[in-house]
Protein backbone atom coordinates (compact mmCIF):
# COMPACT_ATOMS: atom_id res chain seq x y z
CA UNK A 1 82.12 93.63 97.16
CA UNK A 2 85.77 93.90 98.16
CA UNK A 3 88.01 96.85 97.53
CA UNK A 4 90.10 94.90 95.08
CA UNK A 5 86.86 93.87 93.13
CA UNK A 6 85.66 97.50 93.19
CA UNK A 7 89.13 98.64 91.90
CA UNK A 8 88.98 96.42 88.96
CA UNK A 9 85.28 97.38 88.18
CA UNK A 10 86.38 101.00 88.44
CA UNK A 11 89.24 100.50 86.04
CA UNK A 12 86.97 98.94 83.56
CA UNK A 13 84.30 101.59 83.92
CA UNK A 14 87.00 104.27 83.33
CA UNK A 15 88.41 102.51 80.31
CA UNK A 16 85.08 102.20 78.70
CA UNK A 17 84.02 105.69 79.52
CA UNK A 18 87.21 107.18 78.31
CA UNK A 19 86.96 105.33 75.00
CA UNK A 20 83.38 106.51 74.45
CA UNK A 21 84.17 110.21 75.23
CA UNK A 22 87.35 110.12 73.08
CA UNK A 23 85.39 108.63 70.15
CA UNK A 24 82.69 111.15 70.54
CA UNK A 25 85.08 114.11 70.43
CA UNK A 26 86.85 112.64 67.41
CA UNK A 27 90.11 112.64 69.21
CA UNK A 28 92.95 110.27 68.58
CA UNK A 29 94.40 108.50 71.72
CA UNK A 30 97.78 110.06 70.94
CA UNK A 31 96.30 113.65 71.05
CA UNK A 32 95.59 116.00 73.87
CA UNK A 33 96.67 114.46 77.11
CA UNK A 34 94.82 117.19 79.05
CA UNK A 35 91.49 116.25 77.40
CA UNK A 36 92.09 112.60 77.85
CA UNK A 37 92.92 113.13 81.57
CA UNK A 38 89.65 115.12 81.85
CA UNK A 39 87.77 112.28 80.34
CA UNK A 40 89.31 109.93 82.78
CA UNK A 41 88.34 112.09 85.79
CA UNK A 42 84.83 112.28 84.44
CA UNK A 43 84.63 108.54 84.10
CA UNK A 44 85.73 108.03 87.64
CA UNK A 45 83.13 110.33 88.99
CA UNK A 46 80.39 108.84 86.94
CA UNK A 47 81.44 105.31 88.12
CA UNK A 48 81.42 106.32 91.83
CA UNK A 49 78.09 107.89 91.51
CA UNK A 50 76.54 104.88 89.72
CA UNK A 51 77.97 102.40 92.18
CA UNK A 52 77.34 104.49 95.39
CA UNK A 53 80.67 103.55 96.95
CA UNK A 54 84.08 105.08 97.49
CA UNK A 55 87.34 103.59 96.39
CA UNK A 56 89.07 104.15 99.70
CA UNK A 57 90.87 101.86 102.13
CA UNK A 58 90.31 102.35 105.87
CA UNK A 59 92.93 104.72 107.24
CA UNK A 60 95.20 103.76 110.10
CA UNK A 61 95.25 106.01 113.09
CA UNK A 62 98.07 106.38 115.61
CA UNK A 63 96.86 108.06 118.84
CA UNK A 64 98.95 108.89 121.97
CA UNK A 65 97.24 107.32 125.08
CA UNK A 66 99.84 108.28 127.82
CA UNK A 67 103.20 109.82 128.35
CA UNK A 68 104.97 106.85 126.75
CA UNK A 69 102.25 104.85 125.08
CA UNK A 70 100.22 104.99 121.90
CA UNK A 71 97.53 102.95 120.19
CA UNK A 72 97.37 101.96 116.58
CA UNK A 73 93.98 101.04 114.93
CA UNK A 74 91.99 101.60 111.74
CA UNK A 75 89.52 104.53 111.50
CA UNK A 76 85.99 104.00 112.61
CA UNK A 77 84.14 102.73 109.55
CA UNK A 78 80.64 102.98 111.28
CA UNK A 79 80.07 99.33 110.82
CA UNK A 80 80.46 96.31 113.01
CA UNK A 81 83.88 94.81 112.61
CA UNK A 82 83.99 91.49 110.95
CA UNK A 83 85.42 88.52 112.88
CA UNK A 84 89.04 87.68 112.19
CA UNK A 85 89.02 83.94 111.89
CA UNK A 86 92.60 83.19 110.96
CA UNK A 87 95.20 83.90 108.24
CA UNK A 88 95.52 82.01 105.06
CA UNK A 89 99.04 81.77 103.52
CA UNK A 90 99.62 80.76 99.93
CA UNK A 91 102.54 80.66 97.67
CA UNK A 92 105.42 80.39 100.16
CA UNK A 93 108.84 80.73 98.41
CA UNK A 94 111.22 77.77 98.77
CA UNK A 95 112.88 77.62 102.20
CA UNK A 96 109.89 79.36 104.07
CA UNK A 97 107.45 77.42 106.30
CA UNK A 98 104.77 78.20 108.86
CA UNK A 99 105.97 77.25 112.36
CA UNK A 100 103.25 78.67 114.49
CA UNK A 101 99.72 79.81 113.96
CA UNK A 102 97.43 81.42 116.56
CA UNK A 103 93.83 82.88 116.67
CA UNK A 104 92.02 84.96 119.28
CA UNK A 105 89.16 83.01 120.75
CA UNK A 106 87.16 86.35 120.45
CA UNK A 107 88.04 86.56 116.84
CA UNK A 108 89.72 89.89 117.21
CA UNK A 109 93.13 88.86 115.82
CA UNK A 110 95.21 86.07 114.30
CA UNK A 111 98.91 85.48 113.82
CA UNK A 112 101.34 83.40 111.97
CA UNK A 113 105.05 82.94 112.33
CA UNK A 114 107.06 81.88 109.25
CA UNK A 115 110.54 80.39 109.17
CA UNK A 116 112.83 81.68 106.75
CA UNK A 117 116.04 80.34 104.97
CA UNK A 118 118.07 82.36 107.34
CA UNK A 119 117.80 80.58 110.72
CA UNK A 120 118.42 83.86 112.47
CA UNK A 121 115.49 85.63 110.75
CA UNK A 122 111.75 85.26 111.19
CA UNK A 123 108.63 86.74 109.60
CA UNK A 124 105.58 87.29 111.79
CA UNK A 125 102.27 88.44 110.42
CA UNK A 126 99.50 89.51 112.79
CA UNK A 127 95.95 90.40 111.57
CA UNK A 128 93.64 92.59 113.62
CA UNK A 129 90.01 93.50 113.45
CA UNK A 130 89.53 97.19 112.15
CA UNK A 131 88.35 98.43 115.50
CA UNK A 132 90.98 96.38 117.52
CA UNK A 133 93.47 98.84 119.06
CA UNK A 134 96.97 97.56 119.40
CA UNK A 135 99.01 99.26 122.17
CA UNK A 136 102.61 100.03 122.01
CA UNK A 137 105.26 101.61 124.31
CA UNK A 138 107.43 104.37 123.24
CA UNK A 139 111.13 103.68 124.03
CA UNK A 140 112.76 106.11 126.33
CA UNK A 141 115.77 108.01 124.94
CA UNK A 142 118.46 108.61 127.53
CA UNK A 143 116.05 107.39 130.26
CA UNK A 144 113.26 109.96 129.57
CA UNK A 145 110.48 110.55 127.20
CA UNK A 146 109.99 114.14 125.95
CA UNK A 147 106.63 115.49 126.96
CA UNK A 148 105.93 116.81 123.36
CA UNK A 149 107.07 113.66 121.51
CA UNK A 150 104.81 112.88 118.58
CA UNK A 151 104.42 109.07 118.54
CA UNK A 152 104.26 109.20 114.75
CA UNK A 153 107.88 110.40 114.81
CA UNK A 154 108.95 107.49 117.04
CA UNK A 155 107.06 104.92 115.06
CA UNK A 156 108.29 105.99 111.65
CA UNK A 157 111.84 105.13 112.68
CA UNK A 158 110.82 101.54 112.88
CA UNK A 159 107.54 101.22 111.18
CA UNK A 160 106.39 101.59 107.64
CA UNK A 161 102.75 102.78 107.64
CA UNK A 162 101.00 102.32 104.37
CA UNK A 163 97.61 103.41 103.24
CA UNK A 164 96.93 100.11 101.46
CA UNK A 165 98.45 96.87 100.52
CA UNK A 166 99.17 98.51 97.06
CA UNK A 167 102.18 100.18 98.59
CA UNK A 168 103.95 96.93 99.58
CA UNK A 169 107.27 97.13 97.66
CA UNK A 170 110.88 96.29 98.55
CA UNK A 171 111.63 100.02 98.37
CA UNK A 172 108.99 100.86 100.85
CA UNK A 173 110.01 98.11 103.24
CA UNK A 174 113.58 99.26 103.32
CA UNK A 175 112.45 102.22 105.52
CA UNK A 176 111.82 100.11 108.51
CA UNK A 177 111.61 96.63 110.12
CA UNK A 178 107.83 96.51 110.65
CA UNK A 179 105.10 97.27 108.02
CA UNK A 180 101.56 98.18 108.98
CA UNK A 181 98.75 98.43 106.45
CA UNK A 182 94.87 98.14 106.25
CA UNK A 183 92.91 95.72 104.08
CA UNK A 184 89.25 95.76 103.19
CA UNK A 185 88.00 94.38 106.53
CA UNK A 186 91.21 94.29 108.85
CA UNK A 187 94.71 95.57 109.26
CA UNK A 188 98.12 93.81 109.38
CA UNK A 189 101.21 94.31 111.41
CA UNK A 190 104.26 92.37 109.90
CA UNK A 191 107.68 92.09 111.41
CA UNK A 192 110.32 91.14 108.86
CA UNK A 193 113.79 91.78 110.41
CA UNK A 194 116.57 90.08 108.35
CA UNK A 195 114.09 88.60 105.74
CA UNK A 196 114.53 89.13 102.01
CA UNK A 197 112.25 91.97 101.05
CA UNK A 198 111.38 90.55 97.71
CA UNK A 199 110.19 87.30 99.54
CA UNK A 200 108.23 89.40 102.09
CA UNK A 201 106.15 91.22 99.31
CA UNK A 202 105.50 87.90 97.50
CA UNK A 203 104.31 86.22 100.78
CA UNK A 204 102.10 89.21 101.85
CA UNK A 205 100.55 89.39 98.39
CA UNK A 206 99.27 85.84 98.89
CA UNK A 207 97.94 86.34 102.59
CA UNK A 208 94.25 86.59 103.40
């Protein structure tokens, strides 16, 4: 079961449980938001216990590996990382086209480059296995790298780090030029300099 499937199942379970508890208590839906909220929380807990799973995306971790380097990867899920066999793109807006597609022979990553209506802009999507660490180098400021520099501070100036694909909005993407987010069995790094943000969200919503 994927996280998206679980989320839909959980929403259904919450709605049904909420309706049952509300009816049993003789409450109208328009009354007592506090009681209604309590019913929803109870429904969530009951659904989680019944299904025996947690509604959580893998979290991304950013760790400093040297004076001017860091590594980005998803948290250890305790399971073998599934193979990354490629990226499927559906629903490209008019004026967009895939110009390059690459896959790692070891099934650890895959990437696609998408041409945009603006010839000077380009959209690149890279998909990584959850336990595949991606190394980055911290840019030096004034020729030096402060010894106490937090790599998160450096990255957040350029990267938008999201907890899940649910956070992909034009408003969020305005905060940087690269977005990083986990999916159910991988994580994505997307460069979108100069690309229309509405189009970026549309394209990423159709990527697997």
